[in-house]
Amino acid sequence: MEHRKRNWKHLLQEHKLLQLPSACDALTAKMIEQAGFPAYQVGGFALDGMRFGFPDMDVNRLGEKSAAVADIIHACSLPVLVDCDDGYGDEKNVVHTVHVYDDLGVSAIFIEDQRSPKRCGHMGGKTVIEPQEMVNKIRAAVSARRSADNFFILARTDAIAVNGVDDAIRRSEKYLKAGADGVYVEGPRNMKELRAVGRAFKGEPLALSILEGGGVTPWMPPDELYSLGFNMILYPTTLLFRQTRAMMRALADLKSGIQMPPYDSVTMFEFEKIVDIAYWKAIEEKALPVGERMRQAVNKIFKRIA
């Protein structure tokens, strides 16, 4: 828990740029950690799709999502950024949301200024609330957290698609003044908009999502985005879409009677290593009587000799 609750600002100072793949389940979170990422996110798009089989259109709310988040972060010791959608209501709902995730050990959250029912930030048909409503939500979130050092609040605006980049920048400035620790400007549509946002907030904690496979923001190498001013890059779909394609291939092969190709899968040994079987076996062994442990150890020695 202590490792997971690391100060997000210190994490940004240490790594300069955080690439944040989205974990849709506990296994994915474990694999992100084992791949060497210093942090990750639990995003609504991947969680809705993989856990519940829903589109990211506000079908699920805090109760379902926080239960899923609890399972995911239990399996991974990395600091985590959690998608809190619109805060699930007004200021009192925002306060409750902050308390829930703060108590779970979440390191950072983001709240967006979409009007309910919200939807994926790269979908059409979005609307946004008035800036003052979002300011009130941010102030409520800031007042609700137990510690400013251990709970980072990112304010997201979806205003580019609705009102253009200038309004998104103005809103983000207000959100920072209201106490947000950083801003997340969703959906820049071209290099001109990326430069404008990066210029406006260079030096501030600044997040962006790259929705591979159909998003409105053009893909760019992470170091180039960092040079523009972005220091948190969220990848909501990268793992989810690849996982989905792999499952489609596997099901097609199974239906056609084709044996699982070894080059396209892990082995039993590799999978057991991912899910920490050695740790759980060690717990089993500690529970055995001393005599039984000695007997098993001797048997292992004889098997090696044989």
Protein backbone atom coordinates (compact mmCIF):
# COMPACT_ATOMS: atom_id res chain seq x y z
CA MET A 1 0.00 0.00 0.00
CA GLU A 2 2.73 2.48 0.90
CA HIS A 3 4.46 1.96 -2.43
CA ARG A 4 1.21 2.41 -4.32
CA LYS A 5 0.49 5.65 -2.43
CA ARG A 6 3.71 7.29 -3.59
CA ASN A 7 3.52 11.04 -4.12
CA TRP A 8 2.48 11.53 -7.75
CA LYS A 9 4.28 14.87 -8.00
CA HIS A 10 7.51 13.22 -6.89
CA LEU A 11 6.89 10.47 -9.42
CA LEU A 12 6.66 13.08 -12.18
CA GLN A 13 9.85 14.75 -10.99
CA GLU A 14 11.65 11.42 -10.93
CA HIS A 15 10.54 10.18 -14.35
CA LYS A 16 9.81 13.47 -16.17
CA LEU A 17 7.42 11.64 -18.52
CA LEU A 18 4.89 9.02 -17.41
CA GLN A 19 3.51 6.66 -20.04
CA LEU A 20 0.34 5.25 -18.53
CA PRO A 21 -1.09 2.10 -20.13
CA SER A 22 -4.61 1.26 -19.03
CA ALA A 23 -5.24 -1.87 -16.96
CA CYS A 24 -8.67 -3.40 -17.50
CA ASP A 25 -8.12 -6.21 -14.98
CA ALA A 26 -5.71 -7.48 -12.34
CA LEU A 27 -3.67 -9.64 -14.72
CA THR A 28 -3.05 -6.67 -17.01
CA ALA A 29 -1.94 -4.54 -14.05
CA LYS A 30 0.55 -7.24 -12.99
CA MET A 31 1.94 -7.42 -16.51
CA ILE A 32 2.32 -3.63 -16.70
CA GLU A 33 4.37 -3.76 -13.51
CA GLN A 34 6.48 -6.68 -14.74
CA ALA A 35 7.13 -4.83 -18.01
CA GLY A 36 8.89 -2.09 -16.04
CA PHE A 37 6.42 0.80 -16.12
CA PRO A 38 6.63 3.03 -13.01
CA ALA A 39 2.86 3.70 -12.88
CA TYR A 40 -0.34 2.93 -14.74
CA GLN A 41 -3.95 4.00 -15.07
CA VAL A 42 -7.36 2.39 -14.72
CA GLY A 43 -9.36 4.04 -17.48
CA GLY A 44 -13.10 3.91 -17.96
CA PHE A 45 -12.96 2.85 -21.61
CA ALA A 46 -10.96 -0.32 -20.95
CA LEU A 47 -12.70 -1.11 -17.67
CA ASP A 48 -16.19 -0.77 -19.14
CA GLY A 49 -15.27 -2.83 -22.18
CA MET A 50 -13.32 -5.70 -20.61
CA ARG A 51 -14.92 -6.00 -17.17
CA PHE A 52 -18.55 -5.31 -18.11
CA GLY A 53 -18.78 -5.58 -21.89
CA PHE A 54 -20.17 -2.05 -22.17
CA PRO A 55 -19.21 0.97 -24.28
CA ASP A 56 -17.74 3.95 -22.42
CA MET A 57 -21.09 5.76 -22.21
CA ASP A 58 -21.75 6.15 -18.48
CA VAL A 59 -23.55 2.83 -18.08
CA ASN A 60 -21.55 2.06 -14.92
CA ARG A 61 -20.93 4.46 -12.05
CA LEU A 62 -18.90 4.62 -8.86
CA GLY A 63 -20.18 1.46 -7.15
CA GLU A 64 -19.36 -0.96 -9.97
CA LYS A 65 -16.15 0.79 -10.97
CA SER A 66 -14.65 1.17 -7.51
CA ALA A 67 -15.21 -2.56 -6.86
CA ALA A 68 -13.32 -3.37 -10.05
CA VAL A 69 -10.55 -0.90 -9.19
CA ALA A 70 -10.13 -2.51 -5.76
CA ASP A 71 -9.50 -5.91 -7.40
CA ILE A 72 -7.02 -4.45 -9.86
CA ILE A 73 -4.90 -2.43 -7.45
CA HIS A 74 -4.79 -5.32 -4.97
CA ALA A 75 -2.74 -7.22 -7.56
CA CYS A 76 -0.27 -4.45 -8.40
CA SER A 77 1.98 -2.35 -6.18
CA LEU A 78 2.50 0.47 -8.68
CA PRO A 79 1.04 3.96 -8.15
CA VAL A 80 -2.21 4.26 -10.08
CA LEU A 81 -4.23 7.03 -11.73
CA VAL A 82 -7.97 6.27 -11.76
CA ASP A 83 -10.60 7.65 -14.13
CA CYS A 84 -13.42 9.16 -12.04
CA ASP A 85 -15.54 10.31 -14.99
CA ASP A 86 -17.55 13.40 -13.98
CA GLY A 87 -17.21 12.66 -10.23
CA TYR A 88 -20.57 10.87 -10.42
CA GLY A 89 -22.73 13.86 -9.61
CA ASP A 90 -22.44 17.17 -7.78
CA GLU A 91 -20.00 18.28 -5.08
CA LYS A 92 -21.23 15.80 -2.46
CA ASN A 93 -20.79 12.92 -4.93
CA VAL A 94 -17.30 14.16 -5.75
CA VAL A 95 -16.40 14.19 -2.06
CA HIS A 96 -17.68 10.63 -1.68
CA THR A 97 -15.71 9.54 -4.76
CA VAL A 98 -12.50 11.03 -3.37
CA HIS A 99 -13.03 9.31 -0.02
CA VAL A 100 -13.64 5.93 -1.71
CA TYR A 101 -10.49 6.05 -3.82
CA ASP A 102 -8.33 7.67 -1.16
CA ASP A 103 -9.24 4.84 1.22
CA LEU A 104 -8.45 2.21 -1.44
CA GLY A 105 -4.90 3.50 -1.78
CA VAL A 106 -5.21 5.20 -5.16
CA SER A 107 -2.40 7.68 -5.87
CA ALA A 108 -4.17 9.97 -8.34
CA ILE A 109 -7.55 10.54 -9.98
CA PHE A 110 -8.95 12.63 -12.78
CA ILE A 111 -12.36 14.26 -12.98
CA GLU A 112 -13.76 15.69 -16.21
CA ASP A 113 -16.08 18.54 -17.10
CA GLN A 114 -18.47 16.60 -19.34
CA ARG A 115 -22.18 16.82 -18.75
CA SER A 116 -23.82 13.58 -17.62
CA PRO A 117 -24.30 11.13 -19.20
CA LYS A 118 -20.66 11.38 -20.22
CA ARG A 119 -18.95 9.32 -22.92
CA CYS A 120 -15.51 8.41 -24.18
CA GLY A 121 -13.54 11.60 -24.78
CA HIS A 122 -12.89 10.69 -28.41
CA MET A 123 -16.57 10.03 -29.25
CA GLY A 124 -18.84 12.60 -30.79
CA GLY A 125 -21.90 14.08 -29.13
CA LYS A 126 -20.22 15.35 -25.96
CA THR A 127 -21.36 18.38 -24.00
CA VAL A 128 -19.61 20.17 -21.14
CA ILE A 129 -20.83 21.82 -17.96
CA GLU A 130 -20.23 25.48 -17.15
CA PRO A 131 -16.66 26.14 -15.94
CA GLN A 132 -17.86 27.31 -12.52
CA GLU A 133 -19.60 23.98 -11.93
CA MET A 134 -16.32 22.21 -12.57
CA VAL A 135 -14.45 24.67 -10.36
CA ASN A 136 -16.86 23.80 -7.54
CA LYS A 137 -16.22 20.09 -8.08
CA ILE A 138 -12.46 20.58 -7.98
CA ARG A 139 -12.64 22.61 -4.78
CA ALA A 140 -14.79 19.89 -3.23
CA ALA A 141 -12.31 17.20 -4.31
CA VAL A 142 -9.34 19.11 -2.93
CA SER A 143 -11.09 19.66 0.41
CA ALA A 144 -12.05 15.97 0.67
CA ARG A 145 -8.65 14.32 0.27
CA ARG A 146 -6.80 13.23 3.39
CA SER A 147 -3.40 14.51 2.24
CA ALA A 148 -2.28 16.69 -0.65
CA ASP A 149 0.99 14.73 -0.71
CA ASN A 150 -0.66 11.37 -1.26
CA PHE A 151 -3.64 12.12 -3.47
CA PHE A 152 -3.11 13.90 -6.78
CA ILE A 153 -6.14 15.50 -8.47
CA LEU A 154 -6.07 15.99 -12.23
CA ALA A 155 -8.77 18.15 -13.83
CA ARG A 156 -9.76 17.07 -17.33
CA THR A 157 -11.55 19.22 -19.86
CA ASP A 158 -13.40 17.86 -22.89
CA ALA A 159 -14.12 21.34 -24.25
CA ILE A 160 -12.01 21.17 -27.42
CA ALA A 161 -14.61 19.09 -29.28
CA VAL A 162 -17.43 21.35 -28.06
CA ASN A 163 -16.06 24.89 -27.98
CA GLY A 164 -12.54 24.74 -29.42
CA VAL A 165 -9.01 24.78 -28.04
CA ASP A 166 -9.08 28.36 -26.68
CA ASP A 167 -12.01 27.56 -24.40
CA ALA A 168 -10.31 24.34 -23.27
CA ILE A 169 -7.22 26.34 -22.29
CA ARG A 170 -9.25 28.98 -20.44
CA ARG A 171 -11.13 26.31 -18.54
CA SER A 172 -7.93 24.48 -17.62
CA GLU A 173 -6.42 27.70 -16.25
CA LYS A 174 -9.47 28.13 -14.00
CA TYR A 175 -9.23 24.52 -12.84
CA LEU A 176 -5.59 24.98 -11.83
CA LYS A 177 -6.49 28.13 -9.90
CA ALA A 178 -9.26 26.17 -8.14
CA GLY A 179 -6.64 23.81 -6.71
CA ALA A 180 -6.19 21.01 -9.24
CA ASP A 181 -2.67 19.58 -9.19
CA GLY A 182 -2.57 19.31 -12.97
CA VAL A 183 -4.71 19.44 -16.09
CA TYR A 184 -5.68 16.91 -18.71
CA VAL A 185 -6.79 18.38 -22.02
CA GLU A 186 -8.69 15.74 -23.94
CA GLY A 187 -8.83 15.44 -27.69
CA PRO A 188 -6.43 17.87 -29.44
CA ARG A 189 -7.14 17.17 -33.09
CA ASN A 190 -3.94 18.26 -34.83
CA MET A 191 -0.41 19.53 -34.30
CA LYS A 192 -1.58 23.14 -34.03
CA GLU A 193 -3.87 22.30 -31.08
CA LEU A 194 -1.21 20.12 -29.44
CA ARG A 195 1.28 22.97 -29.61
CA ALA A 196 -1.23 25.49 -28.25
CA VAL A 197 -2.07 23.33 -25.23
CA GLY A 198 1.56 22.43 -24.58
CA ARG A 199 2.62 26.07 -24.77
CA ALA A 200 -0.12 27.18 -22.39
CA PHE A 201 0.79 24.69 -19.64
CA LYS A 202 4.45 23.87 -20.17
CA GLY A 203 6.00 23.25 -16.76
CA GLU A 204 2.67 22.21 -15.21
CA PRO A 205 1.56 18.60 -14.78
CA LEU A 206 -0.13 18.15 -18.16
CA ALA A 207 -1.86 15.00 -19.41
CA LEU A 208 -3.01 13.82 -22.82
CA SER A 209 -4.58 10.60 -24.07
CA ILE A 210 -3.51 8.79 -27.21
CA LEU A 211 -6.40 6.55 -28.17
CA GLU A 212 -4.79 4.15 -30.63
CA GLY A 213 -7.14 2.51 -33.09
CA GLY A 214 -9.55 5.37 -33.69
CA GLY A 215 -8.92 8.44 -31.54
CA VAL A 216 -8.94 12.04 -32.73
CA THR A 217 -5.47 12.94 -31.40
CA PRO A 218 -2.64 12.03 -33.80
CA TRP A 219 -0.13 9.46 -32.56
CA MET A 220 3.32 10.86 -31.81
CA PRO A 221 6.39 9.35 -30.12
CA PRO A 222 6.29 10.02 -26.35
CA ASP A 223 9.50 12.05 -26.35
CA GLU A 224 8.05 14.41 -28.96
CA LEU A 225 4.90 14.91 -26.89
CA TYR A 226 7.11 15.59 -23.87
CA SER A 227 9.03 18.24 -25.83
CA LEU A 228 5.67 19.95 -26.51
CA GLY A 229 4.95 20.11 -22.76
CA PHE A 230 2.98 16.94 -22.00
CA ASN A 231 4.37 14.85 -19.13
CA MET A 232 1.58 12.28 -18.68
CA ILE A 233 0.52 10.26 -21.72
CA LEU A 234 -2.48 7.98 -21.20
CA TYR A 235 -3.07 5.01 -23.50
CA PRO A 236 -6.71 3.95 -22.95
CA THR A 237 -7.01 1.41 -25.77
CA THR A 238 -3.56 0.09 -26.69
CA LEU A 239 -3.61 -3.03 -24.51
CA LEU A 240 -7.38 -3.54 -24.71
CA PHE A 241 -7.49 -3.53 -28.51
CA ARG A 242 -4.51 -5.88 -28.80
CA GLN A 243 -6.00 -8.22 -26.21
CA THR A 244 -9.30 -8.20 -28.10
CA ARG A 245 -7.62 -9.05 -31.42
CA ALA A 246 -5.65 -11.88 -29.78
CA MET A 247 -8.84 -13.37 -28.33
CA MET A 248 -10.59 -13.12 -31.71
CA ARG A 249 -7.70 -15.02 -33.34
CA ALA A 250 -7.74 -17.66 -30.60
CA LEU A 251 -11.49 -18.22 -30.87
CA ALA A 252 -11.33 -18.48 -34.66
CA ASP A 253 -8.55 -21.08 -34.41
CA LEU A 254 -10.42 -23.03 -31.73
CA LYS A 255 -13.60 -23.09 -33.80
CA SER A 256 -11.64 -24.22 -36.86
CA GLY A 257 -9.88 -27.02 -34.98
CA ILE A 258 -6.46 -25.38 -35.22
CA GLN A 259 -4.03 -26.13 -32.41
CA MET A 260 -2.78 -23.15 -30.37
CA PRO A 261 0.42 -21.93 -32.04
CA PRO A 262 3.30 -21.77 -29.51
CA TYR A 263 4.65 -18.53 -31.02
CA ASP A 264 1.33 -16.78 -30.33
CA SER A 265 0.84 -17.74 -26.68
CA VAL A 266 2.60 -18.10 -23.36
CA THR A 267 3.36 -21.48 -21.83
CA MET A 268 2.01 -22.80 -18.54
CA PHE A 269 5.39 -22.06 -16.96
CA GLU A 270 5.40 -18.46 -18.23
CA PHE A 271 1.86 -17.83 -17.07
CA GLU A 272 2.49 -19.26 -13.62
CA LYS A 273 5.50 -16.97 -13.31
CA ILE A 274 3.34 -13.93 -14.20
CA VAL A 275 0.81 -14.78 -11.47
CA ASP A 276 3.54 -15.37 -8.83
CA ILE A 277 3.10 -19.10 -8.28
CA ALA A 278 6.46 -19.27 -6.45
CA TYR A 279 5.16 -16.85 -3.81
CA TRP A 280 2.00 -18.89 -3.17
CA LYS A 281 3.90 -22.18 -3.14
CA ALA A 282 6.26 -20.72 -0.54
CA ILE A 283 3.27 -19.91 1.67
CA GLU A 284 2.01 -23.48 1.29
CA GLU A 285 5.42 -24.89 2.20
CA LYS A 286 5.73 -22.73 5.32
CA ALA A 287 2.48 -24.21 6.59
CA LEU A 288 3.80 -27.78 6.33
CA PRO A 289 5.21 -29.54 9.42
CA VAL A 290 9.02 -29.45 9.63
CA GLY A 291 9.31 -33.19 9.00
CA GLU A 292 7.22 -33.02 5.82
CA ARG A 293 9.27 -30.07 4.54
CA MET A 294 12.48 -32.02 5.09
CA ARG A 295 11.03 -35.07 3.33
CA GLN A 296 10.04 -32.99 0.28
CA ALA A 297 13.46 -31.32 0.19
CA VAL A 298 15.20 -34.73 0.22
CA ASN A 299 12.92 -36.00 -2.54
CA LYS A 300 13.81 -33.00 -4.70
CA ILE A 301 17.52 -33.71 -4.23
CA PHE A 302 17.11 -37.36 -5.23
CA LYS A 303 15.08 -36.36 -8.30
CA ARG A 304 17.86 -34.03 -9.46
CA ILE A 305 20.45 -36.77 -8.98
CA ALA A 306 18.33 -39.29 -10.85
